[in-house]
């Protein structure tokens, strides 16, 4: 069964925060930056069609 995105995000943020307790600031920024980048990739994949026929139609509509 697929987990909702918000529960995965909450688990990731909580786990990252616990793991980075006492870590240097630059490591915390890098870890949360990677977490944010992963969330951005998931969001982009949900917006853009993933099936090749649908993707082709989507791009053809954008070119018009």
N, C-alpha and C. Protein backbone atom coordinates (compact mmCIF):
# COMPACT_ATOMS: atom_id res chain seq x y z
N UNK A 1 0.84 -1.18 0.00
CA UNK A 1 0.00 0.00 0.00
C UNK A 1 0.88 1.24 0.00
N UNK A 2 0.51 2.23 -0.79
CA UNK A 2 1.27 3.48 -0.89
C UNK A 2 0.96 4.39 0.29
N UNK A 3 2.02 5.00 0.81
CA UNK A 3 1.85 5.93 1.91
C UNK A 3 1.61 7.32 1.34
N UNK A 4 0.76 8.10 1.98
CA UNK A 4 0.55 9.47 1.51
C UNK A 4 1.84 10.29 1.59
N UNK A 5 1.96 11.24 0.72
CA UNK A 5 3.18 12.05 0.64
C UNK A 5 3.45 12.79 1.94
N UNK A 6 2.41 13.30 2.60
CA UNK A 6 2.62 14.08 3.81
C UNK A 6 3.20 13.22 4.94
N UNK A 7 2.79 11.97 5.04
CA UNK A 7 3.34 11.12 6.10
C UNK A 7 4.80 10.76 5.80
N UNK A 8 5.12 10.56 4.54
CA UNK A 8 6.52 10.31 4.18
C UNK A 8 7.38 11.53 4.44
N UNK A 9 6.84 12.71 4.13
CA UNK A 9 7.58 13.94 4.36
C UNK A 9 7.78 14.18 5.86
N UNK A 10 6.74 13.96 6.65
CA UNK A 10 6.86 14.16 8.09
C UNK A 10 7.87 13.19 8.69
N UNK A 11 7.86 11.95 8.24
CA UNK A 11 8.82 10.97 8.72
C UNK A 11 10.24 11.37 8.33
N UNK A 12 10.41 11.83 7.11
CA UNK A 12 11.74 12.24 6.64
C UNK A 12 12.27 13.44 7.39
N UNK A 13 11.43 14.43 7.62
CA UNK A 13 11.87 15.63 8.33
C UNK A 13 12.20 15.30 9.78
N UNK A 14 11.35 14.52 10.42
CA UNK A 14 11.59 14.15 11.82
C UNK A 14 12.87 13.32 11.95
N UNK A 15 13.03 12.33 11.11
CA UNK A 15 14.23 11.50 11.15
C UNK A 15 15.49 12.29 10.87
N UNK A 16 15.41 13.21 9.92
CA UNK A 16 16.57 14.04 9.61
C UNK A 16 16.91 14.96 10.77
N UNK A 17 15.89 15.55 11.38
CA UNK A 17 16.13 16.46 12.51
C UNK A 17 16.76 15.72 13.69
N UNK A 18 16.28 14.51 13.97
CA UNK A 18 16.83 13.73 15.07
C UNK A 18 18.27 13.31 14.76
N UNK A 19 18.53 12.91 13.52
CA UNK A 19 19.87 12.47 13.15
C UNK A 19 20.88 13.62 13.16
N UNK A 20 20.41 14.83 12.90
CA UNK A 20 21.32 15.97 12.79
C UNK A 20 21.43 16.79 14.07
N UNK A 21 20.91 16.28 15.17
CA UNK A 21 21.02 16.99 16.44
C UNK A 21 22.49 17.11 16.81
N UNK A 22 22.95 18.32 16.95
CA UNK A 22 24.35 18.57 17.30
C UNK A 22 25.30 18.58 16.12
N UNK A 23 24.79 18.44 14.91
CA UNK A 23 25.64 18.43 13.71
C UNK A 23 26.00 19.86 13.32
N UNK A 24 27.08 20.04 12.55
CA UNK A 24 27.42 21.38 12.06
C UNK A 24 26.28 21.95 11.20
N UNK A 25 26.18 23.26 11.15
CA UNK A 25 25.08 23.90 10.43
C UNK A 25 25.09 23.55 8.95
N UNK A 26 26.28 23.44 8.35
CA UNK A 26 26.35 23.18 6.92
C UNK A 26 25.86 21.78 6.57
N UNK A 27 26.03 20.84 7.50
CA UNK A 27 25.53 19.49 7.26
C UNK A 27 24.01 19.45 7.35
N UNK A 28 23.45 20.20 8.28
CA UNK A 28 21.99 20.29 8.39
C UNK A 28 21.39 20.95 7.15
N UNK A 29 22.01 22.00 6.67
CA UNK A 29 21.52 22.68 5.47
C UNK A 29 21.59 21.74 4.27
N UNK A 30 22.67 21.00 4.14
CA UNK A 30 22.82 20.07 3.02
C UNK A 30 21.77 18.95 3.10
N UNK A 31 21.54 18.43 4.29
CA UNK A 31 20.56 17.34 4.44
C UNK A 31 19.15 17.81 4.12
N UNK A 32 18.77 18.97 4.65
CA UNK A 32 17.43 19.48 4.36
C UNK A 32 17.32 19.96 2.92
N UNK A 33 18.42 20.39 2.32
CA UNK A 33 18.41 20.73 0.90
C UNK A 33 18.14 19.51 0.03
N UNK A 34 18.76 18.39 0.37
CA UNK A 34 18.51 17.14 -0.36
C UNK A 34 17.07 16.67 -0.17
N UNK A 35 16.56 16.82 1.03
CA UNK A 35 15.17 16.45 1.30
C UNK A 35 14.22 17.33 0.48
N UNK A 36 14.51 18.62 0.41
CA UNK A 36 13.70 19.53 -0.40
C UNK A 36 13.79 19.23 -1.88
N UNK A 37 14.98 18.87 -2.34
CA UNK A 37 15.15 18.51 -3.75
C UNK A 37 14.36 17.25 -4.09
N UNK A 38 14.37 16.28 -3.19
CA UNK A 38 13.58 15.08 -3.40
C UNK A 38 12.09 15.38 -3.47
N UNK A 39 11.62 16.28 -2.62
CA UNK A 39 10.21 16.69 -2.63
C UNK A 39 9.87 17.40 -3.93
N UNK A 40 10.79 18.21 -4.43
CA UNK A 40 10.58 18.90 -5.70
C UNK A 40 10.47 17.91 -6.86
N UNK A 41 11.30 16.88 -6.84
CA UNK A 41 11.25 15.85 -7.89
C UNK A 41 9.91 15.12 -7.85
N UNK A 42 9.44 14.77 -6.65
CA UNK A 42 8.15 14.10 -6.52
C UNK A 42 7.02 15.00 -7.02
N UNK A 43 7.09 16.29 -6.68
CA UNK A 43 6.05 17.22 -7.13
C UNK A 43 6.05 17.36 -8.65
N UNK A 44 7.23 17.46 -9.25
CA UNK A 44 7.31 17.57 -10.71
C UNK A 44 6.80 16.32 -11.40
N UNK A 45 7.10 15.16 -10.83
CA UNK A 45 6.62 13.91 -11.43
C UNK A 45 5.10 13.80 -11.33
N UNK A 46 4.50 14.39 -10.31
CA UNK A 46 3.05 14.32 -10.19
C UNK A 46 2.37 15.30 -11.14
N UNK A 47 3.07 16.37 -11.54
CA UNK A 47 2.49 17.36 -12.44
C UNK A 47 2.61 16.93 -13.89
N UNK A 48 3.78 16.43 -14.27
CA UNK A 48 4.01 16.04 -15.65
C UNK A 48 3.57 14.60 -15.88
N UNK A 49 2.94 14.32 -17.01
CA UNK A 49 2.51 12.95 -17.31
C UNK A 49 3.71 12.02 -17.48
N UNK A 50 3.55 10.77 -17.04
CA UNK A 50 4.66 9.82 -17.08
C UNK A 50 4.55 8.80 -18.21
N UNK A 51 3.37 8.58 -18.74
CA UNK A 51 3.22 7.65 -19.86
C UNK A 51 3.66 8.33 -21.14
N UNK A 52 4.38 7.62 -22.00
CA UNK A 52 4.99 8.26 -23.16
C UNK A 52 3.96 8.84 -24.12
N UNK A 53 2.83 8.18 -24.33
CA UNK A 53 1.82 8.73 -25.23
C UNK A 53 1.22 10.01 -24.66
N UNK A 54 0.98 10.02 -23.37
CA UNK A 54 0.44 11.22 -22.72
C UNK A 54 1.47 12.33 -22.69
N UNK A 55 2.72 11.97 -22.50
CA UNK A 55 3.79 12.96 -22.46
C UNK A 55 3.93 13.64 -23.83
N UNK A 56 3.87 12.85 -24.89
CA UNK A 56 3.97 13.41 -26.23
C UNK A 56 2.81 14.37 -26.49
N UNK A 57 1.61 13.98 -26.13
CA UNK A 57 0.45 14.86 -26.31
C UNK A 57 0.59 16.12 -25.47
N UNK A 58 1.11 15.99 -24.28
CA UNK A 58 1.29 17.15 -23.40
C UNK A 58 2.26 18.14 -24.02
N UNK A 59 3.39 17.66 -24.54
CA UNK A 59 4.37 18.56 -25.15
C UNK A 59 3.86 19.17 -26.45
N UNK A 60 3.09 18.40 -27.21
CA UNK A 60 2.52 18.96 -28.44
C UNK A 60 1.55 20.09 -28.12
N UNK A 61 0.76 19.93 -27.06
CA UNK A 61 -0.15 21.01 -26.66
C UNK A 61 0.62 22.24 -26.21
N UNK A 62 1.77 22.07 -25.57
CA UNK A 62 2.55 23.21 -25.09
C UNK A 62 3.21 23.95 -26.25
N UNK A 63 3.51 23.23 -27.32
CA UNK A 63 4.17 23.87 -28.46
C UNK A 63 3.21 24.72 -29.27
N UNK A 64 1.92 24.44 -29.16
CA UNK A 64 0.92 25.18 -29.97
C UNK A 64 0.67 26.55 -29.43
